Protein backbone atom coordinates (compact mmCIF):
# COMPACT_ATOMS: atom_id res chain seq x y z
CA UNK A 1 97.29 25.16 13.70
CA UNK A 2 95.31 26.31 16.72
CA UNK A 3 91.96 28.06 16.78
CA UNK A 4 93.61 31.08 18.50
CA UNK A 5 95.80 31.75 15.52
CA UNK A 6 93.89 33.73 12.90
CA UNK A 7 94.83 32.90 9.33
CA UNK A 8 94.02 35.04 6.34
CA UNK A 9 92.75 32.38 3.96
CA UNK A 10 92.77 34.71 0.95
CA UNK A 11 96.35 35.76 1.48
CA UNK A 12 97.54 32.25 2.26
CA UNK A 13 95.92 30.54 -0.69
CA UNK A 14 96.00 33.40 -3.13
CA UNK A 15 92.28 32.97 -3.98
CA UNK A 16 88.97 32.96 -2.16
CA UNK A 17 87.70 29.44 -1.41
CA UNK A 18 84.42 28.51 -3.08
CA UNK A 19 82.85 27.56 0.24
CA UNK A 20 83.92 28.88 3.56
CA UNK A 21 84.00 26.87 6.75
CA UNK A 22 80.92 28.69 8.02
CA UNK A 23 79.02 27.99 4.78
CA UNK A 24 80.09 24.35 4.90
CA UNK A 25 78.79 24.03 8.41
CA UNK A 26 75.54 25.70 7.48
CA UNK A 27 75.15 23.51 4.39
CA UNK A 28 75.87 20.34 6.34
CA UNK A 29 73.35 21.33 9.02
CA UNK A 30 70.62 22.33 6.56
CA UNK A 31 71.06 19.33 4.25
CA UNK A 32 68.82 16.95 6.28
CA UNK A 33 66.16 19.64 6.51
CA UNK A 34 66.21 20.22 2.79
CA UNK A 35 65.96 16.50 2.11
CA UNK A 36 63.08 16.24 4.59
CA UNK A 37 61.23 19.10 2.87
CA UNK A 38 61.79 17.57 -0.58
CA UNK A 39 60.64 14.15 0.69
CA UNK A 40 57.57 15.43 2.60
CA UNK A 41 56.13 17.31 -0.37
CA UNK A 42 55.67 14.22 -2.56
CA UNK A 43 54.29 12.33 0.43
CA UNK A 44 51.73 15.06 1.12
CA UNK A 45 50.72 15.13 -2.52
CA UNK A 46 50.40 11.34 -2.61
CA UNK A 47 48.33 11.33 0.57
CA UNK A 48 46.06 14.05 -0.81
CA UNK A 49 45.61 12.10 -4.02
CA UNK A 50 44.71 8.96 -2.06
CA UNK A 51 42.12 10.86 0.00
CA UNK A 52 40.57 12.40 -3.10
CA UNK A 53 40.49 9.01 -4.82
CA UNK A 54 38.83 7.38 -1.80
CA UNK A 55 36.26 10.17 -1.65
CA UNK A 56 35.50 9.80 -5.36
CA UNK A 57 35.08 6.02 -4.98
CA UNK A 58 32.77 6.50 -1.97
CA UNK A 59 30.60 9.04 -3.80
CA UNK A 60 30.43 6.77 -6.83
CA UNK A 61 29.43 3.77 -4.71
CA UNK A 62 26.72 5.72 -2.89
CA UNK A 63 25.38 7.02 -6.20
CA UNK A 64 25.24 3.49 -7.62
CA UNK A 65 23.47 2.11 -4.52
CA UNK A 66 20.96 4.97 -4.53
CA UNK A 67 20.26 4.54 -8.22
CA UNK A 68 19.82 0.79 -7.87
CA UNK A 69 17.42 1.25 -4.95
CA UNK A 70 15.37 3.80 -6.90
CA UNK A 71 15.07 1.35 -9.79
CA UNK A 72 14.42 -1.84 -7.83
CA UNK A 73 12.51 -0.67 -4.73
CA UNK A 74 8.78 -1.32 -4.93
CA UNK A 75 6.74 1.77 -5.66
CA UNK A 76 3.90 2.96 -3.49
CA UNK A 77 1.46 2.53 -6.32
CA UNK A 78 0.31 6.12 -5.84
CA UNK A 79 -0.88 8.23 -8.70
CA UNK A 80 1.81 10.62 -9.90
CA UNK A 81 -0.66 13.24 -11.09
CA UNK A 82 -0.53 16.37 -8.97
CA UNK A 83 -3.55 17.76 -7.19
CA UNK A 84 -4.62 21.21 -8.27
CA UNK A 85 -3.81 24.15 -5.98
CA UNK A 86 -7.52 24.99 -5.90
CA UNK A 87 -8.36 21.59 -4.38
CA UNK A 88 -5.60 21.99 -1.80
CA UNK A 89 -6.90 25.46 -0.89
CA UNK A 90 -10.42 24.05 -0.40
CA UNK A 91 -9.00 21.29 1.76
CA UNK A 92 -7.17 23.86 3.85
CA UNK A 93 -10.41 25.72 4.52
CA UNK A 94 -12.05 22.50 5.71
CA UNK A 95 -9.04 21.69 7.88
CA UNK A 96 -8.99 25.10 9.54
CA UNK A 97 -12.72 24.81 10.25
CA UNK A 98 -12.97 21.23 11.51
CA UNK A 99 -9.50 19.81 12.31
CA UNK A 100 -7.14 22.55 13.48
CA UNK A 101 -8.35 22.47 17.09
CA UNK A 102 -7.13 18.91 17.66
CA UNK A 103 -4.35 18.51 15.09
CA UNK A 104 -2.73 21.97 15.22
CA UNK A 105 -2.11 24.71 12.69
CA UNK A 106 0.80 22.87 11.08
CA UNK A 107 -0.47 19.28 11.47
CA UNK A 108 1.88 18.88 14.45
CA UNK A 109 -0.89 17.60 16.75
CA UNK A 110 -2.15 18.93 20.07
CA UNK A 111 -1.34 17.17 23.34
CA UNK A 112 -4.30 15.26 24.85
CA UNK A 113 -6.44 16.21 21.83
CA UNK A 114 -5.14 14.83 18.57
CA UNK A 115 -2.11 13.14 17.06
CA UNK A 116 0.28 14.63 14.54
CA UNK A 117 -0.72 14.24 10.90
CA UNK A 118 2.78 14.75 9.53
CA UNK A 119 3.67 11.74 7.41
CA UNK A 120 0.25 10.02 7.57
CA UNK A 121 -0.51 11.01 3.98
CA UNK A 122 -3.78 11.27 2.14
CA UNK A 123 -4.42 7.55 2.69
CA UNK A 124 -4.96 7.82 6.45
CA UNK A 125 -6.92 11.05 6.07
CA UNK A 126 -9.22 9.55 3.46
CA UNK A 127 -9.86 6.42 5.52
CA UNK A 128 -10.60 8.19 8.79
CA UNK A 129 -12.80 10.91 7.28
CA UNK A 130 -14.66 8.82 4.69
CA UNK A 131 -15.63 6.21 7.29
CA UNK A 132 -16.90 8.87 9.70
CA UNK A 133 -14.30 8.03 12.34
CA UNK A 134 -13.02 11.59 12.11
CA UNK A 135 -13.92 14.06 13.42
CA UNK A 136 -13.97 11.89 16.53
CA UNK A 137 -16.63 12.33 19.18
CA UNK A 138 -14.34 11.18 21.99
CA UNK A 139 -11.07 9.40 22.55
CA UNK A 140 -11.18 5.67 23.21
CA UNK A 141 -9.79 2.30 22.14
CA UNK A 142 -12.01 2.33 19.05
CA UNK A 143 -13.40 4.91 16.69
CA UNK A 144 -16.57 3.27 15.42
CA UNK A 145 -17.65 3.75 11.82
CA UNK A 146 -20.49 6.21 11.39
CA UNK A 147 -21.97 8.46 8.74
CA UNK A 148 -19.32 10.67 7.17
CA UNK A 149 -19.49 14.37 7.93
CA UNK A 150 -18.07 15.41 4.57
CA UNK A 151 -18.90 14.43 1.02
CA UNK A 152 -16.56 12.31 -1.08
CA UNK A 153 -15.28 15.39 -2.88
CA UNK A 154 -14.67 17.32 0.32
CA UNK A 155 -12.86 14.32 1.79
CA UNK A 156 -10.55 14.23 -1.21
CA UNK A 157 -9.84 17.96 -0.84
CA UNK A 158 -8.98 17.51 2.82
CA UNK A 159 -6.77 14.51 2.05
CA UNK A 160 -4.99 16.51 -0.68
CA UNK A 161 -4.23 19.32 1.78
CA UNK A 162 -2.81 16.96 4.41
CA UNK A 163 -0.73 15.29 1.72
CA UNK A 164 0.63 18.62 0.48
CA UNK A 165 1.77 19.66 3.95
CA UNK A 166 2.82 16.45 5.70
CA UNK A 167 3.40 13.94 2.89
CA UNK A 168 2.97 10.20 3.25
CA UNK A 169 1.32 7.24 1.49
CA UNK A 170 -1.39 7.83 -1.08
CA UNK A 171 -4.17 5.64 -2.43
CA UNK A 172 -3.55 5.07 -6.15
CA UNK A 173 -6.13 6.32 -8.60
CA UNK A 174 -8.01 4.08 -10.97
CA UNK A 175 -9.45 0.60 -10.59
CA UNK A 176 -8.27 -0.99 -7.34
CA UNK A 177 -9.36 -4.50 -8.31
CA UNK A 178 -7.35 -4.94 -11.47
CA UNK A 179 -4.72 -7.49 -10.54
CA UNK A 180 -2.71 -10.12 -12.34
CA UNK A 181 -3.23 -12.45 -9.35
CA UNK A 182 -6.22 -14.76 -9.42
CA UNK A 183 -9.19 -14.52 -7.09
CA UNK A 184 -8.01 -17.67 -5.31
CA UNK A 185 -4.63 -16.06 -4.71
CA UNK A 186 -6.37 -13.02 -3.21
CA UNK A 187 -8.24 -15.35 -0.87
CA UNK A 188 -4.96 -16.88 0.24
CA UNK A 189 -3.46 -13.44 0.94
CA UNK A 190 -6.58 -12.53 2.90
CA UNK A 191 -6.45 -15.64 5.06
CA UNK A 192 -2.76 -15.16 5.78
CA UNK A 193 -2.85 -11.44 6.60
CA UNK A 194 -6.42 -10.41 7.47
CA UNK A 195 -8.62 -13.31 8.61
CA UNK A 196 -6.97 -13.64 12.02
CA UNK A 197 -8.51 -10.31 13.05
CA UNK A 198 -11.40 -9.64 10.66
CA UNK A 199 -12.59 -13.24 10.53
CA UNK A 200 -12.67 -15.67 7.63
CA UNK A 201 -15.65 -13.86 6.12
CA UNK A 202 -14.66 -10.30 6.99
CA UNK A 203 -17.43 -9.99 9.57
CA UNK A 204 -15.08 -8.53 12.20
CA UNK A 205 -14.12 -9.84 15.62
CA UNK A 206 -13.25 -8.56 19.11
CA UNK A 207 -9.62 -8.03 20.07
CA UNK A 208 -7.85 -7.51 23.39
CA UNK A 209 -8.14 -4.43 25.64
CA UNK A 210 -11.61 -3.56 24.41
CA UNK A 211 -10.56 -3.15 20.79
CA UNK A 212 -12.28 -4.64 17.77
CA UNK A 213 -11.46 -5.49 14.20
CA UNK A 214 -14.37 -3.89 12.33
CA UNK A 215 -16.54 -5.60 9.79
CA UNK A 216 -15.61 -5.12 6.14
CA UNK A 217 -19.23 -5.26 5.00
CA UNK A 218 -19.49 -1.53 4.23
CA UNK A 219 -15.85 -0.91 3.27
CA UNK A 220 -15.21 0.40 -0.23
CA UNK A 221 -12.23 -0.43 -2.41
CA UNK A 222 -10.46 2.84 -1.59
CA UNK A 223 -11.13 2.46 2.14
CA UNK A 224 -9.67 -1.05 2.25
CA UNK A 225 -6.60 0.03 0.30
CA UNK A 226 -6.16 3.12 2.51
CA UNK A 227 -6.44 0.98 5.64
CA UNK A 228 -3.70 -1.35 4.42
CA UNK A 229 -1.43 1.63 3.73
CA UNK A 230 -2.09 3.53 6.97
CA UNK A 231 -2.81 0.80 9.56
CA UNK A 232 -5.57 2.48 11.59
CA UNK A 233 -5.78 1.77 15.33
CA UNK A 234 -4.62 -1.82 16.00
CA UNK A 235 -4.22 -2.77 12.35
CA UNK A 236 -0.62 -3.19 11.13
CA UNK A 237 0.69 -1.24 8.16
CA UNK A 238 1.10 -3.35 5.03
CA UNK A 239 3.77 -1.50 3.11
CA UNK A 240 4.56 -2.39 -0.48
CA UNK A 241 7.51 -4.52 0.60
CA UNK A 242 5.06 -6.69 2.58
CA UNK A 243 2.12 -6.71 0.20
CA UNK A 244 2.70 -5.40 -3.30
CA UNK A 245 0.08 -3.19 -4.95
CA UNK A 246 -1.01 -6.18 -7.05
CA UNK A 247 -1.47 -8.30 -3.94
CA UNK A 248 -3.46 -5.54 -2.22
CA UNK A 249 -5.75 -5.33 -5.23
CA UNK A 250 -6.25 -9.10 -5.24
CA UNK A 251 -7.27 -8.97 -1.57
CA UNK A 252 -9.79 -6.22 -2.33
CA UNK A 253 -11.14 -8.24 -5.23
CA UNK A 254 -11.58 -11.27 -2.98
CA UNK A 255 -13.31 -9.30 -0.19
CA UNK A 256 -15.74 -7.56 -2.51
CA UNK A 257 -16.47 -10.77 -4.44
CA UNK A 258 -17.12 -12.57 -1.16
CA UNK A 259 -19.61 -9.88 -0.12
CA UNK A 260 -21.37 -9.87 -3.49
CA UNK A 261 -21.76 -13.65 -3.85
CA UNK A 262 -25.06 -15.17 -2.72
CA UNK A 263 -25.66 -18.15 -0.44
CA UNK A 264 -27.52 -20.85 -2.35
CA UNK A 265 -28.16 -22.82 0.85
CA UNK A 266 -30.36 -20.22 2.56
CA UNK A 267 -29.32 -18.03 5.49
CA UNK A 268 -25.59 -17.35 5.60
CA UNK A 269 -25.20 -17.62 9.41
CA UNK A 270 -21.86 -15.88 9.18
CA UNK A 271 -20.98 -17.77 5.98
CA UNK A 272 -19.30 -20.48 8.03
CA UNK A 273 -21.03 -23.33 6.27
CA UNK A 274 -23.24 -26.23 7.47
CA UNK A 275 -21.54 -26.51 10.85
CA UNK A 276 -23.28 -23.41 12.20
CA UNK A 277 -26.59 -24.43 10.62
CA UNK A 278 -26.50 -27.85 12.27
CA UNK A 279 -25.46 -26.37 15.61
CA UNK A 280 -28.34 -23.90 15.45
CA UNK A 281 -30.86 -26.64 14.67
CA UNK A 282 -29.67 -28.90 17.47
CA UNK A 283 -29.55 -26.03 19.98
CA UNK A 284 -33.08 -24.92 19.08
CA UNK A 285 -34.41 -28.48 19.21
CA UNK A 286 -32.76 -29.17 22.56
CA UNK A 287 -34.13 -25.94 24.00
CA UNK A 288 -37.58 -26.79 22.77
CA UNK A 289 -37.37 -30.26 24.30
CA UNK A 290 -36.29 -28.87 27.67
CA UNK A 291 -39.14 -26.38 27.52
CA UNK A 292 -41.70 -29.12 26.86
CA UNK A 293 -40.34 -31.21 29.78
CA UNK A 294 -40.59 -28.27 32.16
CA UNK A 295 -44.12 -27.50 30.99
CA UNK A 296 -45.23 -31.11 31.53
CA UNK A 297 -43.64 -31.12 34.99
CA UNK A 298 -45.40 -27.88 35.90
CA UNK A 299 -48.79 -29.25 34.77
CA UNK A 300 -48.27 -32.43 36.75
């Protein structure tokens, strides 16, 4: 039978076929598409489930790591008690009167005048202001200790305001010498971390480029602790992962005990022992001998 000859399928067969040739062709052509659609849907769902599972695992892992760090990371040792809004307001008044010109209205710093105070915390503010280094007279390699412009209470107000705006390390409240480490251990920490600049007795020493490591003779407990937290000028910052709060307190205990102890042998001469005493005696005796020889020669 040729394609040109039209056949009435209903009349020839006596009934209508369930599927016509056109429908068969359409069904055969659409079958792969239908199978592809049916197959792609489960794949998409499986892929979406895998992505959601991976995301859930990632979030869980990050939460566990963050929680473990919060539990195990060393604390700053700062006091958790909040400063009263009244103290912060008083500190703001002092800041706007004495500090805003160099450090800016928002602690952002002013070029060629003063550095930013964002992130320095109350520790750096307390150290610089309580030692009289700030307000600074001029810019230079060293800000020498001088009489403080503000009282202890005013300094704490100012430090509280800087802390409230910029955040940063804080000096813990309470006794800064209570430590489980022994005094000998504090001396070891001091010799390893401080003596190379401040000297074995804390008397201070010159550094390079016209800088100096100041004497610790007049430093208070809070000032020493604040200096270790903030690292003023050339001093490095001793964070709690380098020196724990207990180790910092043992260093303070050693320094203050060293300053308070007396010298039973007479003049301290820098507390370096009999070597300096002998050297001084021999130098003085030799100078005296040379002077006598020159005097005799002049008389002759």
